[in-house]
């Protein structure tokens, strides 16, 4: 089998998930995984982009759920 060449990725700084239920994601990350909610989208952005987003942070890892 041929070996694959490395992409050179050293680390992941953040992940963006598109989810069906932001409240469920909030409970998972904050209550079970000990992340903190670090920011959320503004009403203006939600109206313009028709999307709600919330970011969760733990250490130097950020996860955004929209």
PDB file of N, CA and C in Angstrom:
ATOM      1  N   UNK A   1       0.833  -1.164   0.000  1.00  0.00           N
ATOM      2  CA  UNK A   1       0.000   0.000   0.000  1.00  0.00           C
ATOM      3  C   UNK A   1       0.890   1.243   0.000  1.00  0.00           C
ATOM      4  N   UNK A   2       0.524   2.245  -0.782  1.00  0.00           N
ATOM      5  CA  UNK A   2       1.302   3.475  -0.870  1.00  0.00           C
ATOM      6  C   UNK A   2       1.149   4.297   0.413  1.00  0.00           C
ATOM      7  N   UNK A   3       2.235   4.972   0.802  1.00  0.00           N
ATOM      8  CA  UNK A   3       2.158   5.833   1.975  1.00  0.00           C
ATOM      9  C   UNK A   3       1.666   7.215   1.559  1.00  0.00           C
ATOM     10  N   UNK A   4       0.906   7.838   2.444  1.00  0.00           N
ATOM     11  CA  UNK A   4       0.372   9.164   2.169  1.00  0.00           C
ATOM     12  C   UNK A   4       1.330  10.227   2.681  1.00  0.00           C
ATOM     13  N   UNK A   5       1.477  11.296   1.911  1.00  0.00           N
ATOM     14  CA  UNK A   5       2.330  12.403   2.319  1.00  0.00           C
ATOM     15  C   UNK A   5       1.589  13.255   3.347  1.00  0.00           C
ATOM     16  N   UNK A   6       2.298  13.709   4.352  1.00  0.00           N
ATOM     17  CA  UNK A   6       1.713  14.538   5.405  1.00  0.00           C
ATOM     18  C   UNK A   6       1.230  15.865   4.841  1.00  0.00           C
ATOM     19  N   UNK A   7       0.118  16.369   5.370  1.00  0.00           N
ATOM     20  CA  UNK A   7      -0.383  17.684   4.984  1.00  0.00           C
ATOM     21  C   UNK A   7       0.370  18.804   5.694  1.00  0.00           C
ATOM     22  N   UNK A   8       1.128  18.471   6.710  1.00  0.00           N
ATOM     23  CA  UNK A   8       1.892  19.461   7.448  1.00  0.00           C
ATOM     24  C   UNK A   8       1.104  20.143   8.555  1.00  0.00           C
ATOM     25  N   UNK A   9      -0.048  19.605   8.904  1.00  0.00           N
ATOM     26  CA  UNK A   9      -0.854  20.192   9.973  1.00  0.00           C
ATOM     27  C   UNK A   9      -0.190  19.904  11.310  1.00  0.00           C
ATOM     28  N   UNK A  10       0.056  20.953  12.080  1.00  0.00           N
ATOM     29  CA  UNK A  10       0.709  20.813  13.380  1.00  0.00           C
ATOM     30  C   UNK A  10      -0.295  20.774  14.523  1.00  0.00           C
ATOM     31  N   UNK A  11      -1.390  21.547  14.401  1.00  0.00           N
ATOM     32  CA  UNK A  11      -2.418  21.568  15.434  1.00  0.00           C
ATOM     33  C   UNK A  11      -3.692  22.162  14.857  1.00  0.00           C
ATOM     34  N   UNK A  12      -4.776  21.957  15.566  1.00  0.00           N
ATOM     35  CA  UNK A  12      -6.060  22.534  15.186  1.00  0.00           C
ATOM     36  C   UNK A  12      -6.388  23.602  16.212  1.00  0.00           C
ATOM     37  N   UNK A  13      -6.685  24.813  15.758  1.00  0.00           N
ATOM     38  CA  UNK A  13      -7.006  25.897  16.681  1.00  0.00           C
ATOM     39  C   UNK A  13      -8.489  25.993  16.972  1.00  0.00           C
ATOM     40  N   UNK A  14      -9.304  25.578  16.051  1.00  0.00           N
ATOM     41  CA  UNK A  14     -10.735  25.674  16.279  1.00  0.00           C
ATOM     42  C   UNK A  14     -11.503  24.810  15.298  1.00  0.00           C
ATOM     43  N   UNK A  15     -12.754  24.567  15.653  1.00  0.00           N
ATOM     44  CA  UNK A  15     -13.628  23.732  14.837  1.00  0.00           C
ATOM     45  C   UNK A  15     -14.963  24.454  14.724  1.00  0.00           C
ATOM     46  N   UNK A  16     -15.569  24.389  13.552  1.00  0.00           N
ATOM     47  CA  UNK A  16     -16.885  25.010  13.330  1.00  0.00           C
ATOM     48  C   UNK A  16     -17.857  23.898  12.941  1.00  0.00           C
ATOM     49  N   UNK A  17     -18.881  23.721  13.771  1.00  0.00           N
ATOM     50  CA  UNK A  17     -19.910  22.722  13.516  1.00  0.00           C
ATOM     51  C   UNK A  17     -21.223  23.415  13.160  1.00  0.00           C
ATOM     52  N   UNK A  18     -21.953  22.852  12.267  1.00  0.00           N
ATOM     53  CA  UNK A  18     -23.312  23.293  11.981  1.00  0.00           C
ATOM     54  C   UNK A  18     -24.244  22.294  12.663  1.00  0.00           C
ATOM     55  N   UNK A  19     -25.028  22.780  13.616  1.00  0.00           N
ATOM     56  CA  UNK A  19     -25.840  21.905  14.451  1.00  0.00           C
ATOM     57  C   UNK A  19     -27.315  22.263  14.319  1.00  0.00           C
ATOM     58  N   UNK A  20     -28.149  21.347  14.714  1.00  0.00           N
ATOM     59  CA  UNK A  20     -29.587  21.553  14.664  1.00  0.00           C
ATOM     60  C   UNK A  20     -30.100  22.278  15.903  1.00  0.00           C
ATOM     61  N   UNK A  21     -29.476  22.040  17.050  1.00  0.00           N
ATOM     62  CA  UNK A  21     -29.983  22.555  18.315  1.00  0.00           C
ATOM     63  C   UNK A  21     -28.843  23.186  19.122  1.00  0.00           C
ATOM     64  N   UNK A  22     -28.763  24.527  19.124  1.00  0.00           N
ATOM     65  CA  UNK A  22     -27.694  25.216  19.853  1.00  0.00           C
ATOM     66  C   UNK A  22     -27.784  25.009  21.361  1.00  0.00           C
ATOM     67  N   UNK A  23     -28.989  24.936  21.889  1.00  0.00           N
ATOM     68  CA  UNK A  23     -29.138  24.714  23.334  1.00  0.00           C
ATOM     69  C   UNK A  23     -28.577  23.360  23.748  1.00  0.00           C
ATOM     70  N   UNK A  24     -28.804  22.359  22.926  1.00  0.00           N
ATOM     71  CA  UNK A  24     -28.251  21.031  23.217  1.00  0.00           C
ATOM     72  C   UNK A  24     -26.725  21.067  23.152  1.00  0.00           C
ATOM     73  N   UNK A  25     -26.170  21.767  22.151  1.00  0.00           N
ATOM     74  CA  UNK A  25     -24.714  21.905  22.046  1.00  0.00           C
ATOM     75  C   UNK A  25     -24.160  22.645  23.251  1.00  0.00           C
ATOM     76  N   UNK A  26     -24.855  23.683  23.708  1.00  0.00           N
ATOM     77  CA  UNK A  26     -24.427  24.442  24.881  1.00  0.00           C
ATOM     78  C   UNK A  26     -24.384  23.542  26.119  1.00  0.00           C
ATOM     79  N   UNK A  27     -25.410  22.747  26.310  1.00  0.00           N
ATOM     80  CA  UNK A  27     -25.419  21.828  27.455  1.00  0.00           C
ATOM     81  C   UNK A  27     -24.258  20.839  27.362  1.00  0.00           C
ATOM     82  N   UNK A  28     -24.011  20.315  26.172  1.00  0.00           N
ATOM     83  CA  UNK A  28     -22.927  19.349  26.001  1.00  0.00           C
ATOM     84  C   UNK A  28     -21.572  19.973  26.326  1.00  0.00           C
ATOM     85  N   UNK A  29     -21.254  21.092  25.683  1.00  0.00           N
ATOM     86  CA  UNK A  29     -19.925  21.675  25.858  1.00  0.00           C
ATOM     87  C   UNK A  29     -19.740  22.315  27.233  1.00  0.00           C
ATOM     88  N   UNK A  30     -20.735  23.022  27.726  1.00  0.00           N
ATOM     89  CA  UNK A  30     -20.580  23.719  29.014  1.00  0.00           C
ATOM     90  C   UNK A  30     -20.776  22.794  30.209  1.00  0.00           C
ATOM     91  N   UNK A  31     -21.812  21.983  30.188  1.00  0.00           N
ATOM     92  CA  UNK A  31     -22.127  21.146  31.350  1.00  0.00           C
ATOM     93  C   UNK A  31     -21.315  19.854  31.409  1.00  0.00           C
ATOM     94  N   UNK A  32     -21.095  19.231  30.260  1.00  0.00           N
ATOM     95  CA  UNK A  32     -20.407  17.939  30.256  1.00  0.00           C
ATOM     96  C   UNK A  32     -18.910  18.038  29.970  1.00  0.00           C
ATOM     97  N   UNK A  33     -18.515  18.957  29.107  1.00  0.00           N
ATOM     98  CA  UNK A  33     -17.112  19.030  28.684  1.00  0.00           C
ATOM     99  C   UNK A  33     -16.334  20.166  29.347  1.00  0.00           C
ATOM    100  N   UNK A  34     -16.992  20.958  30.192  1.00  0.00           N
ATOM    101  CA  UNK A  34     -16.360  22.032  30.959  1.00  0.00           C
ATOM    102  C   UNK A  34     -15.774  23.152  30.089  1.00  0.00           C
ATOM    103  N   UNK A  35     -16.376  23.402  28.939  1.00  0.00           N
ATOM    104  CA  UNK A  35     -16.041  24.567  28.125  1.00  0.00           C
ATOM    105  C   UNK A  35     -16.825  25.754  28.683  1.00  0.00           C
ATOM    106  N   UNK A  36     -16.414  26.974  28.334  1.00  0.00           N
ATOM    107  CA  UNK A  36     -17.192  28.162  28.670  1.00  0.00           C
ATOM    108  C   UNK A  36     -17.712  28.773  27.379  1.00  0.00           C
ATOM    109  N   UNK A  37     -18.865  29.403  27.467  1.00  0.00           N
ATOM    110  CA  UNK A  37     -19.400  30.109  26.300  1.00  0.00           C
ATOM    111  C   UNK A  37     -18.652  31.434  26.209  1.00  0.00           C
ATOM    112  N   UNK A  38     -17.882  31.639  25.152  1.00  0.00           N
ATOM    113  CA  UNK A  38     -17.024  32.819  25.053  1.00  0.00           C
ATOM    114  C   UNK A  38     -17.644  33.940  24.231  1.00  0.00           C
ATOM    115  N   UNK A  39     -18.492  33.629  23.307  1.00  0.00           N
ATOM    116  CA  UNK A  39     -19.216  34.673  22.573  1.00  0.00           C
ATOM    117  C   UNK A  39     -20.389  34.071  21.827  1.00  0.00           C
ATOM    118  N   UNK A  40     -21.291  34.940  21.405  1.00  0.00           N
ATOM    119  CA  UNK A  40     -22.423  34.514  20.575  1.00  0.00           C
ATOM    120  C   UNK A  40     -22.680  35.592  19.539  1.00  0.00           C
ATOM    121  N   UNK A  41     -23.338  35.227  18.474  1.00  0.00           N
ATOM    122  CA  UNK A  41     -23.610  36.174  17.399  1.00  0.00           C
ATOM    123  C   UNK A  41     -24.574  37.265  17.867  1.00  0.00           C
ATOM    124  N   UNK A  42     -24.427  38.431  17.271  1.00  0.00           N
ATOM    125  CA  UNK A  42     -25.291  39.566  17.612  1.00  0.00           C
ATOM    126  C   UNK A  42     -26.617  39.445  16.862  1.00  0.00           C
ATOM    127  N   UNK A  43     -27.651  40.111  17.354  1.00  0.00           N
ATOM    128  CA  UNK A  43     -28.937  40.090  16.634  1.00  0.00           C
ATOM    129  C   UNK A  43     -28.815  40.630  15.205  1.00  0.00           C
ATOM    130  N   UNK A  44     -27.942  41.616  15.004  1.00  0.00           N
ATOM    131  CA  UNK A  44     -27.744  42.171  13.661  1.00  0.00           C
ATOM    132  C   UNK A  44     -27.137  41.133  12.714  1.00  0.00           C
ATOM    133  N   UNK A  45     -26.155  40.411  13.205  1.00  0.00           N
ATOM    134  CA  UNK A  45     -25.525  39.374  12.384  1.00  0.00           C
ATOM    135  C   UNK A  45     -26.497  38.239  12.111  1.00  0.00           C
ATOM    136  N   UNK A  46     -27.282  37.876  13.124  1.00  0.00           N
ATOM    137  CA  UNK A  46     -28.265  36.810  12.945  1.00  0.00           C
ATOM    138  C   UNK A  46     -29.306  37.188  11.900  1.00  0.00           C
ATOM    139  N   UNK A  47     -29.701  38.456  11.883  1.00  0.00           N
ATOM    140  CA  UNK A  47     -30.685  38.910  10.897  1.00  0.00           C
ATOM    141  C   UNK A  47     -30.077  38.948   9.502  1.00  0.00           C
ATOM    142  N   UNK A  48     -28.861  39.485   9.402  1.00  0.00           N
ATOM    143  CA  UNK A  48     -28.207  39.611   8.099  1.00  0.00           C
ATOM    144  C   UNK A  48     -27.809  38.250   7.521  1.00  0.00           C
ATOM    145  N   UNK A  49     -27.285  37.368   8.372  1.00  0.00           N
ATOM    146  CA  UNK A  49     -26.799  36.083   7.888  1.00  0.00           C
ATOM    147  C   UNK A  49     -27.778  34.948   8.055  1.00  0.00           C
ATOM    148  N   UNK A  50     -28.903  35.222   8.741  1.00  0.00           N
ATOM    149  CA  UNK A  50     -29.926  34.202   8.999  1.00  0.00           C
ATOM    150  C   UNK A  50     -29.308  32.960   9.635  1.00  0.00           C
ATOM    151  N   UNK A  51     -28.426  33.219  10.605  1.00  0.00           N
ATOM    152  CA  UNK A  51     -27.729  32.123  11.286  1.00  0.00           C
ATOM    153  C   UNK A  51     -27.354  32.574  12.686  1.00  0.00           C
ATOM    154  N   UNK A  52     -27.542  31.715  13.689  1.00  0.00           N
ATOM    155  CA  UNK A  52     -27.085  31.981  15.049  1.00  0.00           C
ATOM    156  C   UNK A  52     -25.815  31.187  15.292  1.00  0.00           C
ATOM    157  N   UNK A  53     -24.884  31.784  16.002  1.00  0.00           N
ATOM    158  CA  UNK A  53     -23.625  31.108  16.315  1.00  0.00           C
ATOM    159  C   UNK A  53     -23.259  31.336  17.767  1.00  0.00           C
ATOM    160  N   UNK A  54     -22.613  30.330  18.353  1.00  0.00           N
ATOM    161  CA  UNK A  54     -22.106  30.403  19.721  1.00  0.00           C
ATOM    162  C   UNK A  54     -20.723  29.765  19.724  1.00  0.00           C
ATOM    163  N   UNK A  55     -19.789  30.391  20.447  1.00  0.00           N
ATOM    164  CA  UNK A  55     -18.441  29.830  20.566  1.00  0.00           C
ATOM    165  C   UNK A  55     -18.219  29.322  21.982  1.00  0.00           C
ATOM    166  N   UNK A  56     -17.542  28.198  22.083  1.00  0.00           N
ATOM    167  CA  UNK A  56     -17.189  27.586  23.357  1.00  0.00           C
ATOM    168  C   UNK A  56     -15.674  27.475  23.413  1.00  0.00           C
ATOM    169  N   UNK A  57     -15.099  27.791  24.579  1.00  0.00           N
ATOM    170  CA  UNK A  57     -13.648  27.823  24.713  1.00  0.00           C
ATOM    171  C   UNK A  57     -13.210  26.991  25.914  1.00  0.00           C
ATOM    172  N   UNK A  58     -12.141  26.249  25.719  1.00  0.00           N
ATOM    173  CA  UNK A  58     -11.467  25.523  26.799  1.00  0.00           C
ATOM    174  C   UNK A  58      -9.975  25.573  26.495  1.00  0.00           C
ATOM    175  N   UNK A  59      -9.219  26.206  27.366  1.00  0.00           N
ATOM    176  CA  UNK A  59      -7.793  26.363  27.107  1.00  0.00           C
ATOM    177  C   UNK A  59      -7.586  27.183  25.861  1.00  0.00           C
ATOM    178  N   UNK A  60      -6.829  26.639  24.912  1.00  0.00           N
ATOM    179  CA  UNK A  60      -6.604  27.360  23.653  1.00  0.00           C
ATOM    180  C   UNK A  60      -7.406  26.753  22.501  1.00  0.00           C
ATOM    181  N   UNK A  61      -8.492  26.069  22.832  1.00  0.00           N
ATOM    182  CA  UNK A  61      -9.341  25.456  21.806  1.00  0.00           C
ATOM    183  C   UNK A  61     -10.668  26.198  21.758  1.00  0.00           C
ATOM    184  N   UNK A  62     -11.085  26.563  20.552  1.00  0.00           N
ATOM    185  CA  UNK A  62     -12.366  27.208  20.329  1.00  0.00           C
ATOM    186  C   UNK A  62     -13.222  26.331  19.422  1.00  0.00           C
ATOM    187  N   UNK A  63     -14.480  26.172  19.805  1.00  0.00           N
ATOM    188  CA  UNK A  63     -15.434  25.442  18.984  1.00  0.00           C
ATOM    189  C   UNK A  63     -16.605  26.362  18.730  1.00  0.00           C
ATOM    190  N   UNK A  64     -16.945  26.558  17.465  1.00  0.00           N
ATOM    191  CA  UNK A  64     -18.078  27.398  17.090  1.00  0.00           C
ATOM    192  C   UNK A  64     -19.183  26.490  16.588  1.00  0.00           C
ATOM    193  N   UNK A  65     -20.374  26.708  17.102  1.00  0.00           N
ATOM    194  CA  UNK A  65     -21.554  25.970  16.641  1.00  0.00           C
ATOM    195  C   UNK A  65     -22.531  26.974  16.043  1.00  0.00           C
ATOM    196  N   UNK A  66     -22.991  26.682  14.858  1.00  0.00           N
ATOM    197  CA  UNK A  66     -23.948  27.549  14.172  1.00  0.00           C
ATOM    198  C   UNK A  66     -25.177  26.752  13.825  1.00  0.00           C
TER     199      UNK A  66
END
